């Protein structure tokens, strides 16, 4: 066959798969973008409920205000750790934990500093003293409970007061059942010395540093004195432990030989 009679070759069409993939990717991104926009415009992206638990001293409203979030705010606009840090700044809060539950629920759990004592301020208002040394007012007209000691003669700026509150928070309430009042009694030798007045009519001299160890011995020591028909006086609990009777004037003596040390009951 001559070259003039040859049939020309047909052009081979180029594949369009790449173009189709680009179109599909564009449509996918478009629809995802639309869905995201619709989601953030819907109520599902908003905080619908804030739960607070573990609070006794602070109201849920105060904790909610400290968190700087409110129902209707954007759910994803703030992290749990940020909310926790805000709440932990409250003076009565020992720790805070925040958990998010989709959709729209913020769960806040707080641990408050426990009450360790009570006091009456210069204006005569009754206050509860917390483990961090902070105070909160008691409701007007309420009586001071008898399960914790009363602090008298302390300044709120006294670092020994904060140290005492921390120590009291680590002592079981049962060990403080006989303690009615604690006041400062610093000396040159013992800057953190305190006087403890008991409901069993004894006056105890010790220090804040000694208190965690000595308080456990106090009930047995008092019981030993009462077995010897001694119903009041001064109990010194420093390096040594001994009892002295009250002086006639009402002031205590400090001669450790005036009364033999009883054998504390176990």
C-alpha atoms as a PDB file:
ATOM      1  CA  UNK A   1       0.000   0.000   0.000  1.00  0.00           C
ATOM      2  CA  UNK A   2       1.331   3.393  -0.895  1.00  0.00           C
ATOM      3  CA  UNK A   3       1.978   6.061   1.680  1.00  0.00           C
ATOM      4  CA  UNK A   4      -0.803   8.177   0.148  1.00  0.00           C
ATOM      5  CA  UNK A   5      -3.414   5.539   1.055  1.00  0.00           C
ATOM      6  CA  UNK A   6      -2.440   5.136   4.763  1.00  0.00           C
ATOM      7  CA  UNK A   7      -5.162   5.983   7.335  1.00  0.00           C
ATOM      8  CA  UNK A   8      -4.048   8.732   9.758  1.00  0.00           C
ATOM      9  CA  UNK A   9      -3.828   7.603  13.430  1.00  0.00           C
ATOM     10  CA  UNK A  10      -6.576   8.892  15.729  1.00  0.00           C
ATOM     11  CA  UNK A  11      -5.419  11.051  18.673  1.00  0.00           C
ATOM     12  CA  UNK A  12      -5.527   9.262  22.041  1.00  0.00           C
ATOM     13  CA  UNK A  13      -7.643  11.216  24.564  1.00  0.00           C
ATOM     14  CA  UNK A  14      -5.796  12.250  27.723  1.00  0.00           C
ATOM     15  CA  UNK A  15      -7.093  10.790  31.047  1.00  0.00           C
ATOM     16  CA  UNK A  16      -9.235  13.148  33.155  1.00  0.00           C
ATOM     17  CA  UNK A  17      -8.787  11.321  36.453  1.00  0.00           C
ATOM     18  CA  UNK A  18      -6.631  14.071  37.945  1.00  0.00           C
ATOM     19  CA  UNK A  19      -9.240  16.713  37.120  1.00  0.00           C
ATOM     20  CA  UNK A  20     -11.968  14.623  38.727  1.00  0.00           C
ATOM     21  CA  UNK A  21      -9.895  14.154  41.888  1.00  0.00           C
ATOM     22  CA  UNK A  22      -9.360  17.884  42.166  1.00  0.00           C
ATOM     23  CA  UNK A  23     -13.085  18.495  41.793  1.00  0.00           C
ATOM     24  CA  UNK A  24     -13.946  15.916  44.428  1.00  0.00           C
ATOM     25  CA  UNK A  25     -11.381  17.346  46.840  1.00  0.00           C
ATOM     26  CA  UNK A  26     -12.768  20.842  46.307  1.00  0.00           C
ATOM     27  CA  UNK A  27     -16.335  19.683  46.919  1.00  0.00           C
ATOM     28  CA  UNK A  28     -15.262  17.766  50.048  1.00  0.00           C
ATOM     29  CA  UNK A  29     -13.483  20.798  51.511  1.00  0.00           C
ATOM     30  CA  UNK A  30     -16.437  23.001  50.586  1.00  0.00           C
ATOM     31  CA  UNK A  31     -18.975  20.800  52.344  1.00  0.00           C
ATOM     32  CA  UNK A  32     -16.731  20.350  55.423  1.00  0.00           C
ATOM     33  CA  UNK A  33     -16.335  24.124  55.647  1.00  0.00           C
ATOM     34  CA  UNK A  34     -20.092  24.590  55.414  1.00  0.00           C
ATOM     35  CA  UNK A  35     -20.664  21.989  58.138  1.00  0.00           C
ATOM     36  CA  UNK A  36     -18.100  23.639  60.432  1.00  0.00           C
ATOM     37  CA  UNK A  37     -19.724  27.037  59.932  1.00  0.00           C
ATOM     38  CA  UNK A  38     -23.167  25.587  60.633  1.00  0.00           C
ATOM     39  CA  UNK A  39     -21.851  23.800  63.740  1.00  0.00           C
ATOM     40  CA  UNK A  40     -20.358  26.925  65.248  1.00  0.00           C
ATOM     41  CA  UNK A  41     -23.562  28.795  64.540  1.00  0.00           C
ATOM     42  CA  UNK A  42     -25.645  26.121  66.271  1.00  0.00           C
ATOM     43  CA  UNK A  43     -26.359  25.593  69.980  1.00  0.00           C
ATOM     44  CA  UNK A  44     -24.143  22.497  69.993  1.00  0.00           C
ATOM     45  CA  UNK A  45     -21.052  24.712  70.044  1.00  0.00           C
ATOM     46  CA  UNK A  46     -22.260  26.630  73.103  1.00  0.00           C
ATOM     47  CA  UNK A  47     -22.045  25.899  76.830  1.00  0.00           C
ATOM     48  CA  UNK A  48     -25.468  24.640  77.857  1.00  0.00           C
ATOM     49  CA  UNK A  49     -24.899  23.748  81.522  1.00  0.00           C
ATOM     50  CA  UNK A  50     -22.304  24.387  84.249  1.00  0.00           C
ATOM     51  CA  UNK A  51     -22.227  21.948  87.181  1.00  0.00           C
ATOM     52  CA  UNK A  52     -20.394  22.738  90.437  1.00  0.00           C
ATOM     53  CA  UNK A  53     -19.884  20.281  93.276  1.00  0.00           C
ATOM     54  CA  UNK A  54     -17.753  19.956  96.399  1.00  0.00           C
ATOM     55  CA  UNK A  55     -18.412  23.518  97.517  1.00  0.00           C
ATOM     56  CA  UNK A  56     -19.707  24.292 100.995  1.00  0.00           C
ATOM     57  CA  UNK A  57     -18.147  27.639 101.893  1.00  0.00           C
ATOM     58  CA  UNK A  58     -18.394  29.292  98.488  1.00  0.00           C
ATOM     59  CA  UNK A  59     -21.581  29.472  96.456  1.00  0.00           C
ATOM     60  CA  UNK A  60     -21.777  27.979  92.980  1.00  0.00           C
ATOM     61  CA  UNK A  61     -22.421  31.487  91.639  1.00  0.00           C
ATOM     62  CA  UNK A  62     -19.127  32.789  93.065  1.00  0.00           C
ATOM     63  CA  UNK A  63     -17.220  29.851  91.608  1.00  0.00           C
ATOM     64  CA  UNK A  64     -18.947  30.327  88.264  1.00  0.00           C
ATOM     65  CA  UNK A  65     -18.015  34.003  88.214  1.00  0.00           C
ATOM     66  CA  UNK A  66     -14.387  33.165  89.005  1.00  0.00           C
ATOM     67  CA  UNK A  67     -14.294  30.706  86.091  1.00  0.00           C
ATOM     68  CA  UNK A  68     -15.169  33.559  83.678  1.00  0.00           C
ATOM     69  CA  UNK A  69     -17.490  31.301  81.691  1.00  0.00           C
ATOM     70  CA  UNK A  70     -21.254  31.358  81.385  1.00  0.00           C
ATOM     71  CA  UNK A  71     -24.052  29.455  79.709  1.00  0.00           C
ATOM     72  CA  UNK A  72     -24.114  30.507  76.066  1.00  0.00           C
ATOM     73  CA  UNK A  73     -20.354  30.988  75.733  1.00  0.00           C
ATOM     74  CA  UNK A  74     -18.493  29.032  73.082  1.00  0.00           C
ATOM     75  CA  UNK A  75     -17.720  25.521  74.304  1.00  0.00           C
ATOM     76  CA  UNK A  76     -14.315  25.308  72.630  1.00  0.00           C
ATOM     77  CA  UNK A  77     -13.161  28.860  73.366  1.00  0.00           C
ATOM     78  CA  UNK A  78     -11.412  27.998  76.662  1.00  0.00           C
ATOM     79  CA  UNK A  79      -9.595  24.903  77.928  1.00  0.00           C
ATOM     80  CA  UNK A  80     -10.299  22.959  81.100  1.00  0.00           C
ATOM     81  CA  UNK A  81      -6.858  23.812  82.493  1.00  0.00           C
ATOM     82  CA  UNK A  82      -7.503  27.533  82.053  1.00  0.00           C
ATOM     83  CA  UNK A  83     -10.790  27.309  83.947  1.00  0.00           C
ATOM     84  CA  UNK A  84      -9.097  25.288  86.723  1.00  0.00           C
ATOM     85  CA  UNK A  85      -6.372  27.915  87.121  1.00  0.00           C
ATOM     86  CA  UNK A  86      -8.946  30.702  87.427  1.00  0.00           C
ATOM     87  CA  UNK A  87     -10.956  28.897  90.104  1.00  0.00           C
ATOM     88  CA  UNK A  88      -7.840  27.859  92.059  1.00  0.00           C
ATOM     89  CA  UNK A  89      -7.075  31.549  92.622  1.00  0.00           C
ATOM     90  CA  UNK A  90     -10.043  31.835  94.993  1.00  0.00           C
ATOM     91  CA  UNK A  91      -8.680  32.084  98.557  1.00  0.00           C
ATOM     92  CA  UNK A  92     -10.854  29.299  99.958  1.00  0.00           C
ATOM     93  CA  UNK A  93     -10.173  26.781  97.181  1.00  0.00           C
ATOM     94  CA  UNK A  94      -7.501  24.146  97.797  1.00  0.00           C
ATOM     95  CA  UNK A  95      -7.845  22.532  94.365  1.00  0.00           C
ATOM     96  CA  UNK A  96     -10.183  22.475  91.367  1.00  0.00           C
ATOM     97  CA  UNK A  97     -10.851  19.987  88.601  1.00  0.00           C
ATOM     98  CA  UNK A  98     -12.754  20.794  85.405  1.00  0.00           C
ATOM     99  CA  UNK A  99     -14.130  18.231  82.958  1.00  0.00           C
ATOM    100  CA  UNK A 100     -15.960  18.903  79.707  1.00  0.00           C
ATOM    101  CA  UNK A 101     -18.744  16.654  78.449  1.00  0.00           C
ATOM    102  CA  UNK A 102     -19.903  17.181  74.882  1.00  0.00           C
ATOM    103  CA  UNK A 103     -22.280  18.653  74.039  1.00  0.00           C
ATOM    104  CA  UNK A 104     -22.043  21.797  76.143  1.00  0.00           C
ATOM    105  CA  UNK A 105     -21.595  20.563  79.739  1.00  0.00           C
ATOM    106  CA  UNK A 106     -18.832  21.924  82.021  1.00  0.00           C
ATOM    107  CA  UNK A 107     -18.368  19.962  85.265  1.00  0.00           C
ATOM    108  CA  UNK A 108     -16.416  21.724  88.050  1.00  0.00           C
ATOM    109  CA  UNK A 109     -15.306  19.862  91.186  1.00  0.00           C
ATOM    110  CA  UNK A 110     -13.639  21.875  93.952  1.00  0.00           C
ATOM    111  CA  UNK A 111     -11.931  21.004  97.209  1.00  0.00           C
ATOM    112  CA  UNK A 112     -12.134  23.771  99.780  1.00  0.00           C
ATOM    113  CA  UNK A 113      -9.756  24.356 102.646  1.00  0.00           C
ATOM    114  CA  UNK A 114     -11.333  22.803 105.743  1.00  0.00           C
ATOM    115  CA  UNK A 115     -12.437  24.786 108.764  1.00  0.00           C
ATOM    116  CA  UNK A 116      -9.928  24.346 111.596  1.00  0.00           C
ATOM    117  CA  UNK A 117     -11.078  26.896 114.184  1.00  0.00           C
ATOM    118  CA  UNK A 118     -13.349  29.850 114.874  1.00  0.00           C
ATOM    119  CA  UNK A 119     -12.704  33.437 115.946  1.00  0.00           C
ATOM    120  CA  UNK A 120     -14.543  36.656 116.738  1.00  0.00           C
ATOM    121  CA  UNK A 121     -13.320  39.758 114.895  1.00  0.00           C
ATOM    122  CA  UNK A 122     -12.933  43.209 116.549  1.00  0.00           C
ATOM    123  CA  UNK A 123     -16.479  44.086 115.483  1.00  0.00           C
ATOM    124  CA  UNK A 124     -17.869  41.060 117.307  1.00  0.00           C
ATOM    125  CA  UNK A 125     -18.625  39.092 114.145  1.00  0.00           C
ATOM    126  CA  UNK A 126     -18.130  35.343 114.287  1.00  0.00           C
ATOM    127  CA  UNK A 127     -15.842  33.832 111.688  1.00  0.00           C
ATOM    128  CA  UNK A 128     -14.636  30.398 110.661  1.00  0.00           C
ATOM    129  CA  UNK A 129     -10.873  30.059 110.192  1.00  0.00           C
ATOM    130  CA  UNK A 130      -9.654  27.882 107.327  1.00  0.00           C
ATOM    131  CA  UNK A 131      -6.566  25.702 106.958  1.00  0.00           C
ATOM    132  CA  UNK A 132      -4.837  28.360 104.851  1.00  0.00           C
ATOM    133  CA  UNK A 133      -5.427  31.030 107.505  1.00  0.00           C
ATOM    134  CA  UNK A 134      -8.284  32.647 105.620  1.00  0.00           C
ATOM    135  CA  UNK A 135     -11.558  33.494 107.329  1.00  0.00           C
ATOM    136  CA  UNK A 136     -15.200  33.446 106.320  1.00  0.00           C
ATOM    137  CA  UNK A 137     -18.096  35.002 108.244  1.00  0.00           C
ATOM    138  CA  UNK A 138     -20.642  32.791 109.936  1.00  0.00           C
ATOM    139  CA  UNK A 139     -24.328  33.491 109.229  1.00  0.00           C
ATOM    140  CA  UNK A 140     -25.704  36.227 111.509  1.00  0.00           C
ATOM    141  CA  UNK A 141     -27.180  34.838 114.717  1.00  0.00           C
ATOM    142  CA  UNK A 142     -25.455  31.478 114.395  1.00  0.00           C
ATOM    143  CA  UNK A 143     -23.659  29.972 117.378  1.00  0.00           C
ATOM    144  CA  UNK A 144     -20.020  28.922 117.298  1.00  0.00           C
ATOM    145  CA  UNK A 145     -19.864  25.104 117.149  1.00  0.00           C
ATOM    146  CA  UNK A 146     -18.010  23.354 119.938  1.00  0.00           C
ATOM    147  CA  UNK A 147     -16.200  20.820 117.778  1.00  0.00           C
ATOM    148  CA  UNK A 148     -13.295  23.168 116.963  1.00  0.00           C
ATOM    149  CA  UNK A 149     -11.175  25.554 119.076  1.00  0.00           C
ATOM    150  CA  UNK A 150     -11.587  29.318 119.231  1.00  0.00           C
ATOM    151  CA  UNK A 151      -8.576  31.471 118.347  1.00  0.00           C
ATOM    152  CA  UNK A 152      -8.114  34.599 120.476  1.00  0.00           C
ATOM    153  CA  UNK A 153      -5.435  37.288 120.491  1.00  0.00           C
ATOM    154  CA  UNK A 154      -4.193  36.527 116.972  1.00  0.00           C
ATOM    155  CA  UNK A 155      -3.453  39.048 114.243  1.00  0.00           C
ATOM    156  CA  UNK A 156      -4.450  38.062 110.712  1.00  0.00           C
ATOM    157  CA  UNK A 157      -0.954  39.123 109.613  1.00  0.00           C
ATOM    158  CA  UNK A 158       0.789  36.918 112.156  1.00  0.00           C
ATOM    159  CA  UNK A 159       2.686  34.184 110.253  1.00  0.00           C
ATOM    160  CA  UNK A 160       2.355  31.949 113.312  1.00  0.00           C
ATOM    161  CA  UNK A 161      -1.406  32.008 112.869  1.00  0.00           C
ATOM    162  CA  UNK A 162      -1.107  30.637 109.337  1.00  0.00           C
ATOM    163  CA  UNK A 163       1.353  28.019 110.585  1.00  0.00           C
ATOM    164  CA  UNK A 164      -1.024  27.022 113.388  1.00  0.00           C
ATOM    165  CA  UNK A 165      -3.951  26.673 110.973  1.00  0.00           C
ATOM    166  CA  UNK A 166      -1.923  24.399 108.735  1.00  0.00           C
ATOM    167  CA  UNK A 167      -0.957  22.232 111.725  1.00  0.00           C
ATOM    168  CA  UNK A 168      -4.563  22.088 112.947  1.00  0.00           C
ATOM    169  CA  UNK A 169      -5.717  20.888 109.518  1.00  0.00           C
ATOM    170  CA  UNK A 170      -3.512  17.797 109.882  1.00  0.00           C
ATOM    171  CA  UNK A 171      -4.807  16.919 113.359  1.00  0.00           C
ATOM    172  CA  UNK A 172      -7.942  14.737 113.581  1.00  0.00           C
ATOM    173  CA  UNK A 173     -10.967  16.505 115.054  1.00  0.00           C
ATOM    174  CA  UNK A 174     -11.199  13.846 117.739  1.00  0.00           C
ATOM    175  CA  UNK A 175      -7.776  14.873 119.068  1.00  0.00           C
ATOM    176  CA  UNK A 176      -9.028  18.463 119.437  1.00  0.00           C
ATOM    177  CA  UNK A 177     -12.263  17.583 121.203  1.00  0.00           C
ATOM    178  CA  UNK A 178     -11.003  18.862 124.594  1.00  0.00           C
ATOM    179  CA  UNK A 179      -9.429  22.048 123.179  1.00  0.00           C
ATOM    180  CA  UNK A 180     -11.623  25.098 123.675  1.00  0.00           C
ATOM    181  CA  UNK A 181      -9.264  28.032 123.007  1.00  0.00           C
ATOM    182  CA  UNK A 182      -5.796  28.716 121.599  1.00  0.00           C
ATOM    183  CA  UNK A 183      -3.936  31.994 122.023  1.00  0.00           C
ATOM    184  CA  UNK A 184      -0.381  33.136 121.201  1.00  0.00           C
ATOM    185  CA  UNK A 185       2.186  33.237 123.998  1.00  0.00           C
ATOM    186  CA  UNK A 186       5.544  33.881 122.272  1.00  0.00           C
ATOM    187  CA  UNK A 187       8.776  34.040 124.223  1.00  0.00           C
ATOM    188  CA  UNK A 188      12.394  34.627 123.352  1.00  0.00           C
ATOM    189  CA  UNK A 189      13.115  30.910 123.543  1.00  0.00           C
ATOM    190  CA  UNK A 190       9.907  29.860 121.795  1.00  0.00           C
ATOM    191  CA  UNK A 191       8.637  32.431 119.262  1.00  0.00           C
ATOM    192  CA  UNK A 192       5.788  30.085 118.292  1.00  0.00           C
ATOM    193  CA  UNK A 193       4.700  29.268 121.850  1.00  0.00           C
ATOM    194  CA  UNK A 194       0.957  28.983 122.442  1.00  0.00           C
ATOM    195  CA  UNK A 195      -1.482  28.534 125.313  1.00  0.00           C
ATOM    196  CA  UNK A 196      -4.244  26.005 124.979  1.00  0.00           C
ATOM    197  CA  UNK A 197      -7.272  26.060 127.247  1.00  0.00           C
ATOM    198  CA  UNK A 198      -9.118  22.767 127.576  1.00  0.00           C
ATOM    199  CA  UNK A 199     -12.709  22.008 128.434  1.00  0.00           C
ATOM    200  CA  UNK A 200     -11.370  19.815 131.226  1.00  0.00           C
ATOM    201  CA  UNK A 201     -10.063  22.984 132.979  1.00  0.00           C
ATOM    202  CA  UNK A 202      -6.361  22.688 132.142  1.00  0.00           C
ATOM    203  CA  UNK A 203      -4.037  25.235 130.583  1.00  0.00           C
ATOM    204  CA  UNK A 204      -1.486  23.719 128.200  1.00  0.00           C
ATOM    205  CA  UNK A 205       1.788  25.419 127.241  1.00  0.00           C
ATOM    206  CA  UNK A 206       3.408  24.153 124.060  1.00  0.00           C
ATOM    207  CA  UNK A 207       4.515  25.387 120.648  1.00  0.00           C
ATOM    208  CA  UNK A 208       3.081  25.159 117.166  1.00  0.00           C
ATOM    209  CA  UNK A 209       6.007  22.979 116.131  1.00  0.00           C
ATOM    210  CA  UNK A 210       5.463  20.569 119.047  1.00  0.00           C
ATOM    211  CA  UNK A 211       1.674  20.494 118.742  1.00  0.00           C
ATOM    212  CA  UNK A 212       1.293  17.632 116.201  1.00  0.00           C
ATOM    213  CA  UNK A 213       3.217  15.253 118.459  1.00  0.00           C
ATOM    214  CA  UNK A 214       2.109  16.540 121.855  1.00  0.00           C
ATOM    215  CA  UNK A 215      -1.623  16.707 121.138  1.00  0.00           C
ATOM    216  CA  UNK A 216      -1.782  12.915 120.925  1.00  0.00           C
ATOM    217  CA  UNK A 217      -0.400  12.655 124.471  1.00  0.00           C
ATOM    218  CA  UNK A 218      -2.772  15.219 125.961  1.00  0.00           C
ATOM    219  CA  UNK A 219      -5.897  13.056 126.585  1.00  0.00           C
ATOM    220  CA  UNK A 220      -3.885  10.356 128.348  1.00  0.00           C
ATOM    221  CA  UNK A 221      -1.930  12.932 130.333  1.00  0.00           C
ATOM    222  CA  UNK A 222      -5.160  14.619 131.516  1.00  0.00           C
ATOM    223  CA  UNK A 223      -6.686  11.250 132.382  1.00  0.00           C
ATOM    224  CA  UNK A 224      -3.609  10.411 134.449  1.00  0.00           C
ATOM    225  CA  UNK A 225      -3.897  13.664 136.386  1.00  0.00           C
ATOM    226  CA  UNK A 226      -7.604  13.128 137.016  1.00  0.00           C
ATOM    227  CA  UNK A 227      -6.881   9.659 138.381  1.00  0.00           C
ATOM    228  CA  UNK A 228      -4.619  11.407 140.906  1.00  0.00           C
ATOM    229  CA  UNK A 229      -7.529  13.753 141.753  1.00  0.00           C
ATOM    230  CA  UNK A 230      -5.897  16.696 139.947  1.00  0.00           C
ATOM    231  CA  UNK A 231      -8.632  18.518 138.022  1.00  0.00           C
ATOM    232  CA  UNK A 232      -6.910  21.679 136.827  1.00  0.00           C
ATOM    233  CA  UNK A 233      -3.563  23.440 136.487  1.00  0.00           C
ATOM    234  CA  UNK A 234      -0.908  24.056 133.866  1.00  0.00           C
ATOM    235  CA  UNK A 235       0.463  21.288 131.679  1.00  0.00           C
ATOM    236  CA  UNK A 236       3.736  22.163 130.005  1.00  0.00           C
ATOM    237  CA  UNK A 237       4.493  20.137 126.895  1.00  0.00           C
ATOM    238  CA  UNK A 238       7.845  21.251 125.502  1.00  0.00           C
ATOM    239  CA  UNK A 239      11.043  19.205 125.586  1.00  0.00           C
ATOM    240  CA  UNK A 240       9.781  17.864 128.906  1.00  0.00           C
ATOM    241  CA  UNK A 241       6.204  17.376 130.061  1.00  0.00           C
ATOM    242  CA  UNK A 242       5.054  18.301 133.555  1.00  0.00           C
ATOM    243  CA  UNK A 243       2.125  19.716 135.494  1.00  0.00           C
ATOM    244  CA  UNK A 244       2.029  22.671 137.899  1.00  0.00           C
ATOM    245  CA  UNK A 245      -0.967  23.902 139.897  1.00  0.00           C
ATOM    246  CA  UNK A 246      -2.524  27.285 139.311  1.00  0.00           C
ATOM    247  CA  UNK A 247      -1.228  30.005 141.635  1.00  0.00           C
ATOM    248  CA  UNK A 248      -3.652  31.570 144.091  1.00  0.00           C
ATOM    249  CA  UNK A 249      -3.745  34.747 142.001  1.00  0.00           C
ATOM    250  CA  UNK A 250      -4.838  32.787 138.953  1.00  0.00           C
ATOM    251  CA  UNK A 251      -1.418  32.919 137.321  1.00  0.00           C
ATOM    252  CA  UNK A 252       0.398  29.683 136.698  1.00  0.00           C
ATOM    253  CA  UNK A 253       3.711  28.642 138.188  1.00  0.00           C
ATOM    254  CA  UNK A 254       6.477  27.114 136.174  1.00  0.00           C
ATOM    255  CA  UNK A 255       8.255  24.949 138.749  1.00  0.00           C
ATOM    256  CA  UNK A 256       8.201  21.441 137.295  1.00  0.00           C
ATOM    257  CA  UNK A 257       8.847  19.901 140.717  1.00  0.00           C
ATOM    258  CA  UNK A 258       5.635  21.202 142.228  1.00  0.00           C
ATOM    259  CA  UNK A 259       3.635  18.186 140.982  1.00  0.00           C
ATOM    260  CA  UNK A 260       5.090  14.854 139.904  1.00  0.00           C
ATOM    261  CA  UNK A 261       4.451  13.904 136.315  1.00  0.00           C
ATOM    262  CA  UNK A 262       1.607  11.379 136.102  1.00  0.00           C
ATOM    263  CA  UNK A 263       1.775   8.312 133.956  1.00  0.00           C
ATOM    264  CA  UNK A 264      -0.387   9.053 130.910  1.00  0.00           C
ATOM    265  CA  UNK A 265      -3.028   6.488 130.138  1.00  0.00           C
ATOM    266  CA  UNK A 266      -2.496   4.686 126.855  1.00  0.00           C
END
